[in-house]
């Protein structure tokens, strides 16, 4: 950037352009815009520091984003209300100023809603809702009814973007890939819900979430989404530098796809203290499909399951793995994990057992030798329900073989044996579940009192 300076020399006024280093430039102050209208009007004069739309002269959501883009960042407060996007842009995807079409976030920006059932941003099926080019934090709102023939119906994260989503809902969106959220950049989801995305015209990959540049998903429910691959989550590594997907203290349920009803992964990562239940891989020709719960085709590194509960998932007609399907020449790791009531069997492929799993039907699983792993026994699980914590879980009956089955020394996660001190709900581990005076950990995602 250059600036014009006036210099007086021998009675003459000379104008000199001087280059100002980036680190010496003025820092634009961080401002707060409080939206006071649900109209979808653009900002009248972006860059003047005032959130004022045309023609109504209100602070609309679109005007606040445009002003933030112009001044270099802001916090936008969205009171309760439904904010419908009506400025469809027939030139999309070429328009990225936010003046029409989807809401283009070009700079660091924070959105604060009044609550996920109170603040609603509705794409009305005209365009996607958010297109993120900058670091964006979204909290306490619902993002719905976004639609695009490209990627990311509810939210698209560009390569330069980053998303942190908290206490929010992403629902009823549709796109080519990542109907709910398309991760072309890094994403973090905490205490949120991604459900009912693209179950009419299913996405190619990632009905709920498409992970392309790594993801950390915690205390989140991913439910009733549809796609060809990865009904709930599709994960790959677009950068080819070992960007993983981490699912922690979360529930993936009732999603469907041709392959990988719950999760389809091409990349590494892990599932920790999480429940994968009632997902289906049967949308292929003749109702066929592998990996009702999980389809693992990671060519970069192993995928791991630690204290997971993987129950009641189903593969399609003529397929083999209702719970977890591991592609040929790949491997998955299991530790302290339940596989039960998956149809036609619980797993298929190569698995390394790191102790204390419970697998009812291991037909098709090439399991490493592990005397502590139980097979041929049901886990005696209760139905999926609200048992405390932010996501639904499956508790254990007192007669369960998974109850108090893990010695404290093995109540750990990762290959580095990190102590696991809470369950999916955030409740303490270990506890004395069977009343014999000795506290041990339970197999699976939930620790019974």
Protein backbone atom coordinates (compact mmCIF):
# COMPACT_ATOMS: atom_id res chain seq x y z
CA UNK A 1 0.00 0.00 0.00
CA UNK A 2 1.24 3.52 -0.82
CA UNK A 3 0.38 6.81 0.86
CA UNK A 4 0.67 10.40 -0.42
CA UNK A 5 2.75 12.76 1.73
CA UNK A 6 3.22 16.55 1.23
CA UNK A 7 6.87 17.75 1.59
CA UNK A 8 7.94 21.44 1.56
CA UNK A 9 11.28 22.08 -0.16
CA UNK A 10 12.66 25.56 -1.06
CA UNK A 11 9.19 27.06 -0.95
CA UNK A 12 7.70 24.39 -3.17
CA UNK A 13 5.17 21.80 -2.07
CA UNK A 14 6.11 18.39 -3.48
CA UNK A 15 3.90 15.26 -3.26
CA UNK A 16 5.75 12.01 -2.68
CA UNK A 17 4.33 8.45 -2.73
CA UNK A 18 5.86 6.30 0.02
CA UNK A 19 5.34 2.54 0.36
CA UNK A 20 4.11 1.57 3.82
CA UNK A 21 5.14 -1.93 5.02
CA UNK A 22 2.25 -4.25 5.84
CA UNK A 23 3.21 -4.50 9.51
CA UNK A 24 3.13 -0.73 9.87
CA UNK A 25 -0.32 -0.19 8.37
CA UNK A 26 -3.15 1.02 10.57
CA UNK A 27 -5.09 -1.74 12.28
CA UNK A 28 -8.81 -1.56 11.53
CA UNK A 29 -10.73 -1.61 14.82
CA UNK A 30 -12.97 -4.56 15.50
CA UNK A 31 -16.58 -3.40 15.42
CA UNK A 32 -19.95 -4.83 16.41
CA UNK A 33 -23.03 -4.65 14.20
CA UNK A 34 -26.41 -5.52 15.72
CA UNK A 35 -28.90 -6.49 13.04
CA UNK A 36 -32.28 -4.79 13.47
CA UNK A 37 -34.20 -6.02 10.42
CA UNK A 38 -34.99 -9.39 8.83
CA UNK A 39 -35.04 -7.82 5.36
CA UNK A 40 -32.48 -9.07 2.83
CA UNK A 41 -31.14 -5.73 1.65
CA UNK A 42 -27.51 -4.91 0.68
CA UNK A 43 -25.44 -2.23 2.37
CA UNK A 44 -25.90 1.26 0.92
CA UNK A 45 -22.23 2.30 1.20
CA UNK A 46 -19.81 -0.51 2.13
CA UNK A 47 -16.73 0.79 3.89
CA UNK A 48 -18.19 3.82 5.64
CA UNK A 49 -18.36 1.93 8.92
CA UNK A 50 -22.14 2.08 9.09
CA UNK A 51 -24.44 -0.90 8.72
CA UNK A 52 -27.22 0.77 6.76
CA UNK A 53 -29.07 -0.93 3.94
CA UNK A 54 -30.76 0.45 0.86
CA UNK A 55 -33.51 1.42 0.56
CA UNK A 56 -34.87 0.90 4.08
CA UNK A 57 -31.73 2.22 5.88
CA UNK A 58 -31.82 -0.71 8.32
CA UNK A 59 -28.97 -2.88 9.59
CA UNK A 60 -29.76 -6.11 7.75
CA UNK A 61 -27.74 -9.33 7.90
CA UNK A 62 -26.52 -8.86 4.32
CA UNK A 63 -25.58 -5.21 4.96
CA UNK A 64 -23.66 -6.14 8.12
CA UNK A 65 -21.64 -8.79 6.27
CA UNK A 66 -20.87 -6.41 3.39
CA UNK A 67 -19.74 -3.71 5.83
CA UNK A 68 -17.58 -6.21 7.71
CA UNK A 69 -15.97 -7.31 4.45
CA UNK A 70 -15.18 -3.70 3.65
CA UNK A 71 -13.69 -2.73 7.02
CA UNK A 72 -11.76 -5.94 7.68
CA UNK A 73 -13.80 -7.83 10.25
CA UNK A 74 -16.56 -7.54 12.82
CA UNK A 75 -18.93 -9.29 15.21
CA UNK A 76 -22.51 -9.53 14.00
CA UNK A 77 -25.26 -9.97 16.58
CA UNK A 78 -28.43 -11.57 15.24
CA UNK A 79 -31.51 -11.29 17.47
CA UNK A 80 -34.28 -13.87 17.32
CA UNK A 81 -36.05 -13.99 13.96
CA UNK A 82 -36.07 -15.67 10.56
CA UNK A 83 -33.69 -14.08 8.06
CA UNK A 84 -34.73 -15.19 4.57
CA UNK A 85 -32.34 -14.72 1.66
CA UNK A 86 -34.27 -13.31 -1.29
CA UNK A 87 -31.54 -11.73 -3.44
CA UNK A 88 -30.87 -14.65 -5.77
CA UNK A 89 -28.00 -13.96 -8.15
CA UNK A 90 -28.38 -15.57 -11.59
CA UNK A 91 -24.66 -15.02 -12.17
CA UNK A 92 -23.59 -17.30 -9.32
CA UNK A 93 -20.97 -18.59 -8.71
CA UNK A 94 -19.15 -15.54 -10.13
CA UNK A 95 -20.47 -13.04 -7.58
CA UNK A 96 -18.53 -13.14 -4.30
CA UNK A 97 -19.17 -9.70 -2.84
CA UNK A 98 -22.21 -10.70 -0.81
CA UNK A 99 -24.44 -8.14 -2.51
CA UNK A 100 -26.68 -10.89 -3.88
CA UNK A 101 -27.00 -14.66 -3.75
CA UNK A 102 -25.28 -16.43 -0.87
CA UNK A 103 -23.70 -14.60 2.06
CA UNK A 104 -20.01 -14.18 1.18
CA UNK A 105 -17.72 -13.80 4.19
CA UNK A 106 -14.35 -12.49 2.98
CA UNK A 107 -12.64 -11.54 6.27
CA UNK A 108 -12.59 -12.80 9.89
CA UNK A 109 -16.13 -12.59 11.23
CA UNK A 110 -18.16 -13.73 14.26
CA UNK A 111 -21.91 -14.39 14.21
CA UNK A 112 -23.80 -14.52 17.51
CA UNK A 113 -27.42 -15.65 17.36
CA UNK A 114 -30.05 -15.74 20.08
CA UNK A 115 -30.34 -19.55 20.05
CA UNK A 116 -30.49 -22.35 17.51
CA UNK A 117 -34.29 -22.42 17.65
CA UNK A 118 -34.60 -18.64 17.69
CA UNK A 119 -32.23 -17.20 15.09
CA UNK A 120 -32.85 -18.84 11.70
CA UNK A 121 -31.09 -18.06 8.42
CA UNK A 122 -33.15 -19.48 5.55
CA UNK A 123 -31.85 -19.84 1.99
CA UNK A 124 -35.38 -20.50 0.69
CA UNK A 125 -33.92 -22.97 -1.84
CA UNK A 126 -32.60 -20.07 -3.94
CA UNK A 127 -28.87 -20.38 -3.21
CA UNK A 128 -26.46 -21.70 -0.60
CA UNK A 129 -26.55 -19.79 2.67
CA UNK A 130 -22.89 -19.07 3.56
CA UNK A 131 -19.72 -18.98 1.42
CA UNK A 132 -16.72 -18.58 3.75
CA UNK A 133 -13.41 -17.17 2.49
CA UNK A 134 -12.25 -15.96 5.91
CA UNK A 135 -12.06 -17.35 9.42
CA UNK A 136 -15.66 -17.51 10.61
CA UNK A 137 -17.25 -18.29 13.95
CA UNK A 138 -20.97 -19.08 13.98
CA UNK A 139 -22.89 -19.64 17.21
CA UNK A 140 -26.47 -20.15 18.41
CA UNK A 141 -28.44 -20.28 15.17
CA UNK A 142 -30.09 -22.50 12.55
CA UNK A 143 -28.92 -22.55 8.93
CA UNK A 144 -31.50 -24.07 6.61
CA UNK A 145 -32.91 -24.46 3.10
CA UNK A 146 -29.73 -23.64 1.22
CA UNK A 147 -29.49 -25.10 -2.28
CA UNK A 148 -26.83 -25.11 -4.99
CA UNK A 149 -25.78 -27.23 -7.98
CA UNK A 150 -22.22 -26.87 -6.66
CA UNK A 151 -20.74 -27.76 -3.25
CA UNK A 152 -21.99 -26.75 0.17
CA UNK A 153 -25.71 -26.12 0.42
CA UNK A 154 -25.80 -24.72 3.95
CA UNK A 155 -22.16 -23.69 4.37
CA UNK A 156 -19.23 -23.82 1.95
CA UNK A 157 -15.75 -23.32 3.39
CA UNK A 158 -13.30 -22.17 0.72
CA UNK A 159 -9.59 -23.06 0.80
CA UNK A 160 -8.75 -19.79 2.54
CA UNK A 161 -11.62 -20.14 5.01
CA UNK A 162 -12.07 -21.73 8.39
CA UNK A 163 -15.23 -22.52 10.31
CA UNK A 164 -15.96 -22.86 14.02
CA UNK A 165 -19.63 -23.79 14.50
CA UNK A 166 -21.07 -23.90 18.02
CA UNK A 167 -24.53 -24.60 19.41
CA UNK A 168 -26.10 -24.48 15.98
CA UNK A 169 -28.24 -26.53 13.59
CA UNK A 170 -27.62 -27.15 9.87
CA UNK A 171 -30.68 -28.68 8.20
CA UNK A 172 -32.67 -29.16 4.98
CA UNK A 173 -29.88 -28.10 2.64
CA UNK A 174 -28.86 -29.66 -0.69
CA UNK A 175 -25.78 -29.56 -2.90
CA UNK A 176 -23.57 -31.63 -5.21
CA UNK A 177 -21.21 -32.50 -2.32
CA UNK A 178 -21.55 -31.56 1.34
CA UNK A 179 -25.22 -30.69 1.37
CA UNK A 180 -25.07 -29.46 4.95
CA UNK A 181 -21.43 -28.33 5.15
CA UNK A 182 -18.66 -28.54 2.53
CA UNK A 183 -15.21 -28.33 4.06
CA UNK A 184 -12.82 -26.96 1.47
CA UNK A 185 -11.05 -25.50 4.51
CA UNK A 186 -10.61 -26.48 8.14
CA UNK A 187 -13.69 -26.95 10.32
CA UNK A 188 -14.58 -27.40 13.98
CA UNK A 189 -18.10 -28.34 15.11
CA UNK A 190 -19.04 -28.26 18.79
CA UNK A 191 -22.39 -29.00 20.42
CA UNK A 192 -24.27 -28.78 17.11
CA UNK A 193 -26.70 -30.77 14.98
CA UNK A 194 -26.39 -31.57 11.26
CA UNK A 195 -29.51 -33.38 10.09
CA UNK A 196 -32.08 -33.95 7.35
CA UNK A 197 -29.83 -32.64 4.58
CA UNK A 198 -30.47 -33.70 0.97
CA UNK A 199 -32.62 -36.77 1.43
CA UNK A 200 -34.67 -36.09 -1.72
CA UNK A 201 -31.98 -35.55 -4.36
CA UNK A 202 -29.05 -37.09 -2.57
CA UNK A 203 -25.57 -35.57 -2.77
CA UNK A 204 -22.70 -37.45 -4.38
CA UNK A 205 -20.50 -37.29 -1.27
CA UNK A 206 -21.28 -36.12 2.24
CA UNK A 207 -25.00 -35.64 2.79
CA UNK A 208 -24.38 -34.02 6.18
CA UNK A 209 -20.72 -33.01 6.04
CA UNK A 210 -17.95 -33.19 3.44
CA UNK A 211 -14.52 -33.03 5.11
CA UNK A 212 -11.71 -32.07 2.74
CA UNK A 213 -9.15 -30.29 4.92
CA UNK A 214 -9.51 -31.90 8.32
CA UNK A 215 -12.23 -31.66 10.93
CA UNK A 216 -12.76 -31.84 14.68
CA UNK A 217 -16.37 -32.75 15.50
CA UNK A 218 -17.35 -32.86 19.17
CA UNK A 219 -20.62 -33.17 21.13
CA UNK A 220 -22.51 -33.13 17.84
CA UNK A 221 -25.34 -35.18 16.34
CA UNK A 222 -25.25 -36.06 12.63
CA UNK A 223 -28.55 -37.65 11.71
CA UNK A 224 -30.94 -38.47 8.84
CA UNK A 225 -28.71 -37.20 6.01
CA UNK A 226 -28.36 -38.85 2.57
CA UNK A 227 -25.65 -39.19 -0.08
CA UNK A 228 -24.18 -41.66 -2.54
CA UNK A 229 -21.06 -42.02 -0.33
CA UNK A 230 -21.01 -40.96 3.29
CA UNK A 231 -24.60 -40.25 4.21
CA UNK A 232 -23.57 -38.54 7.45
CA UNK A 233 -19.89 -37.71 6.85
CA UNK A 234 -17.61 -38.08 3.83
CA UNK A 235 -13.93 -37.47 4.65
CA UNK A 236 -10.97 -37.15 2.34
CA UNK A 237 -7.66 -35.26 2.28
CA UNK A 238 -7.68 -32.75 -0.57
CA UNK A 239 -4.22 -31.47 0.38
CA UNK A 240 -2.68 -34.98 0.67
CA UNK A 241 -0.80 -34.01 3.85
CA UNK A 242 -2.55 -36.26 6.40
CA UNK A 243 -5.43 -34.02 7.36
CA UNK A 244 -7.61 -36.23 9.55
CA UNK A 245 -11.20 -36.31 10.77
CA UNK A 246 -11.82 -36.62 14.51
CA UNK A 247 -15.25 -37.53 15.89
CA UNK A 248 -15.46 -37.14 19.67
CA UNK A 249 -18.39 -37.48 22.09
CA UNK A 250 -20.82 -37.47 19.16
CA UNK A 251 -23.64 -39.52 17.64
CA UNK A 252 -24.02 -40.49 13.97
CA UNK A 253 -27.43 -42.07 13.43
CA UNK A 254 -30.09 -42.84 10.84
CA UNK A 255 -28.11 -41.68 7.82
CA UNK A 256 -28.16 -43.55 4.51
CA UNK A 257 -26.00 -43.90 1.41
CA UNK A 258 -24.92 -46.38 -1.22
CA UNK A 259 -21.60 -46.84 0.63
CA UNK A 260 -20.80 -45.70 4.13
CA UNK A 261 -24.25 -44.94 5.48
CA UNK A 262 -22.89 -43.17 8.56
CA UNK A 263 -19.30 -42.36 7.57
CA UNK A 264 -17.18 -42.86 4.46
CA UNK A 265 -13.51 -42.04 4.95
CA UNK A 266 -10.58 -41.88 2.56
CA UNK A 267 -8.36 -40.33 5.23
CA UNK A 268 -7.12 -41.16 8.70
CA UNK A 269 -8.48 -40.14 12.06
CA UNK A 270 -10.50 -41.63 14.89
CA UNK A 271 -13.88 -42.09 16.51
CA UNK A 272 -13.70 -41.61 20.30
CA UNK A 273 -16.47 -41.97 22.90
CA UNK A 274 -19.08 -41.89 20.14
CA UNK A 275 -22.16 -43.78 18.97
CA UNK A 276 -22.81 -44.92 15.38
CA UNK A 277 -26.28 -46.44 15.15
CA UNK A 278 -29.06 -47.29 12.66
CA UNK A 279 -27.27 -46.11 9.53
CA UNK A 280 -27.87 -47.85 6.19
CA UNK A 281 -25.79 -48.53 3.07
CA UNK A 282 -28.49 -49.74 0.72
CA UNK A 283 -29.07 -46.99 -1.83
CA UNK A 284 -27.22 -48.79 -4.61
CA UNK A 285 -28.69 -50.70 -7.54
CA UNK A 286 -30.85 -53.49 -6.13
CA UNK A 287 -30.42 -52.09 -2.64
CA UNK A 288 -26.74 -53.06 -2.43
CA UNK A 289 -23.96 -51.26 -0.57
CA UNK A 290 -21.17 -51.82 1.97
CA UNK A 291 -20.45 -50.23 5.33
CA UNK A 292 -23.76 -49.41 6.94
CA UNK A 293 -22.01 -47.72 9.85
CA UNK A 294 -18.58 -46.96 8.40
CA UNK A 295 -16.80 -47.51 5.08
CA UNK A 296 -13.04 -47.16 5.61
CA UNK A 297 -10.92 -46.75 2.50
CA UNK A 298 -8.10 -44.72 4.01
CA UNK A 299 -4.90 -45.10 2.00
CA UNK A 300 -2.91 -42.66 4.14
CA UNK A 301 -3.09 -44.18 7.62
CA UNK A 302 -5.21 -46.45 9.79
CA UNK A 303 -8.56 -45.31 11.12
CA UNK A 304 -9.21 -46.00 14.82
CA UNK A 305 -12.24 -46.62 17.04
CA UNK A 306 -11.82 -46.06 20.77
CA UNK A 307 -14.72 -46.64 23.19
CA UNK A 308 -17.19 -46.50 20.34
CA UNK A 309 -20.66 -48.07 20.22
CA UNK A 310 -21.47 -49.26 16.68
CA UNK A 311 -24.87 -50.94 16.72
CA UNK A 312 -27.84 -51.70 14.48
CA UNK A 313 -26.34 -50.53 11.19
CA UNK A 314 -27.07 -52.42 7.97
CA UNK A 315 -25.42 -53.07 4.63
CA UNK A 316 -27.32 -53.63 1.40
CA UNK A 317 -28.47 -56.81 -0.31
CA UNK A 318 -25.59 -59.19 -1.02
CA UNK A 319 -23.13 -57.09 0.98
CA UNK A 320 -21.09 -58.19 3.97
CA UNK A 321 -20.42 -55.42 6.49
CA UNK A 322 -23.24 -53.74 8.35
CA UNK A 323 -21.01 -52.22 11.03
CA UNK A 324 -17.56 -51.40 9.62
CA UNK A 325 -16.26 -52.21 6.14
CA UNK A 326 -12.50 -51.93 5.65
CA UNK A 327 -11.40 -51.92 2.03
CA UNK A 328 -8.79 -54.47 0.85
CA UNK A 329 -5.21 -53.66 1.85
CA UNK A 330 -6.38 -51.15 4.49
CA UNK A 331 -6.67 -51.54 8.27
CA UNK A 332 -8.69 -50.21 11.20
CA UNK A 333 -7.91 -50.26 14.92
CA UNK A 334 -10.42 -51.23 17.62
CA UNK A 335 -10.13 -50.58 21.33
CA UNK A 336 -12.80 -50.87 24.04
CA UNK A 337 -15.46 -50.83 21.31
CA UNK A 338 -18.87 -52.52 20.89
CA UNK A 339 -20.00 -53.98 17.54
CA UNK A 340 -23.43 -55.59 17.82
CA UNK A 341 -26.65 -56.21 15.89
CA UNK A 342 -25.16 -54.96 12.65
CA UNK A 343 -26.51 -56.71 9.56
CA UNK A 344 -25.53 -59.01 7.93
CA UNK A 345 -22.46 -59.02 10.18
CA UNK A 346 -20.51 -56.60 12.32
CA UNK A 347 -17.37 -56.10 10.26
CA UNK A 348 -15.43 -56.98 7.13
CA UNK A 349 -11.70 -56.54 6.46
CA UNK A 350 -8.49 -56.23 8.46
CA UNK A 351 -8.62 -55.04 12.07
CA UNK A 352 -6.04 -54.60 14.80
CA UNK A 353 -7.61 -55.25 18.19
CA UNK A 354 -6.10 -53.16 20.98
CA UNK A 355 -7.92 -55.00 23.78
CA UNK A 356 -11.35 -55.24 25.39
CA UNK A 357 -13.71 -55.11 22.44
CA UNK A 358 -17.10 -56.82 22.33
CA UNK A 359 -18.03 -58.08 18.84
CA UNK A 360 -21.08 -60.28 18.48
CA UNK A 361 -20.61 -61.43 14.89
CA UNK A 362 -17.00 -61.11 13.69
CA UNK A 363 -17.66 -63.10 10.50
CA UNK A 364 -15.53 -61.43 7.84
CA UNK A 365 -13.27 -59.63 10.32
CA UNK A 366 -9.59 -60.48 10.12
CA UNK A 367 -8.90 -59.69 13.79
CA UNK A 368 -5.47 -59.66 15.37
CA UNK A 369 -5.07 -62.06 18.29
CA UNK A 370 -6.56 -60.58 21.47
CA UNK A 371 -7.78 -62.78 24.36
CA UNK A 372 -9.48 -59.83 26.08
CA UNK A 373 -11.92 -59.26 23.19
CA UNK A 374 -15.29 -61.00 23.58
CA UNK A 375 -17.15 -62.45 20.59
CA UNK A 376 -20.51 -64.17 20.19
CA UNK A 377 -22.12 -62.13 22.97
CA UNK A 378 -24.66 -59.35 22.74
CA UNK A 379 -23.90 -56.11 24.56
CA UNK A 380 -27.42 -55.76 26.07
CA UNK A 381 -27.79 -52.13 25.13
CA UNK A 382 -30.71 -49.86 25.83
CA UNK A 383 -32.33 -47.98 22.90
CA UNK A 384 -30.91 -44.68 21.70
CA UNK A 385 -32.22 -42.01 24.06
CA UNK A 386 -31.38 -38.84 25.94
CA UNK A 387 -29.28 -40.02 28.87
CA UNK A 388 -27.67 -36.72 29.77
CA UNK A 389 -25.09 -34.83 27.79
CA UNK A 390 -25.62 -33.03 24.46
CA UNK A 391 -26.23 -36.08 22.24
CA UNK A 392 -28.41 -39.22 22.47
CA UNK A 393 -26.63 -42.37 23.65
CA UNK A 394 -27.22 -46.07 24.35
CA UNK A 395 -26.91 -47.15 27.96
CA UNK A 396 -26.11 -50.66 29.23
CA UNK A 397 -28.38 -53.01 31.14
CA UNK A 398 -26.89 -54.33 34.38
CA UNK A 399 -26.56 -57.82 32.85
CA UNK A 400 -24.34 -56.55 30.02
CA UNK A 401 -20.98 -58.21 29.44
CA UNK A 402 -19.66 -54.75 28.56
CA UNK A 403 -20.25 -53.48 32.10
CA UNK A 404 -17.08 -53.07 34.20
CA UNK A 405 -15.15 -55.13 31.65
CA UNK A 406 -12.04 -52.94 31.32
CA UNK A 407 -9.37 -52.75 34.03
CA UNK A 408 -8.42 -49.18 34.90
CA UNK A 409 -4.97 -49.63 33.37
CA UNK A 410 -6.64 -50.23 29.99
CA UNK A 411 -9.22 -47.45 30.31
CA UNK A 412 -7.23 -45.42 27.82
CA UNK A 413 -7.39 -44.15 24.28
CA UNK A 414 -4.90 -43.79 21.41
CA UNK A 415 -1.83 -45.91 20.85
CA UNK A 416 -0.14 -43.77 23.50
CA UNK A 417 -2.52 -45.01 26.22
CA UNK A 418 -3.93 -41.65 27.31
CA UNK A 419 -6.22 -42.01 30.33
CA UNK A 420 -9.91 -41.79 29.40
CA UNK A 421 -11.64 -40.07 32.31
CA UNK A 422 -15.11 -39.30 30.87
CA UNK A 423 -17.67 -40.97 28.60
CA UNK A 424 -19.61 -39.57 25.62
CA UNK A 425 -21.91 -37.58 27.92
CA UNK A 426 -19.03 -36.09 29.88
CA UNK A 427 -19.78 -38.34 32.88
CA UNK A 428 -16.81 -39.73 34.87
CA UNK A 429 -14.90 -42.90 34.01
CA UNK A 430 -14.32 -45.36 35.63
CA UNK A 431 -17.15 -46.08 38.09
CA UNK A 432 -18.26 -49.21 39.92
CA UNK A 433 -21.18 -50.21 37.70
CA UNK A 434 -21.76 -53.72 39.06
CA UNK A 435 -21.53 -52.79 42.74
CA UNK A 436 -18.64 -55.11 43.64
CA UNK A 437 -16.57 -52.30 45.13
CA UNK A 438 -14.10 -52.12 42.24
CA UNK A 439 -14.32 -49.29 39.73
CA UNK A 440 -13.69 -50.38 36.13
CA UNK A 441 -14.53 -48.93 32.75
CA UNK A 442 -17.36 -50.10 30.51
CA UNK A 443 -16.86 -51.07 26.89
CA UNK A 444 -18.38 -48.59 24.46
CA UNK A 445 -19.30 -44.93 24.54
CA UNK A 446 -21.28 -44.80 27.82
CA UNK A 447 -20.14 -45.43 31.39
CA UNK A 448 -22.97 -46.69 33.59
CA UNK A 449 -23.26 -45.52 37.24
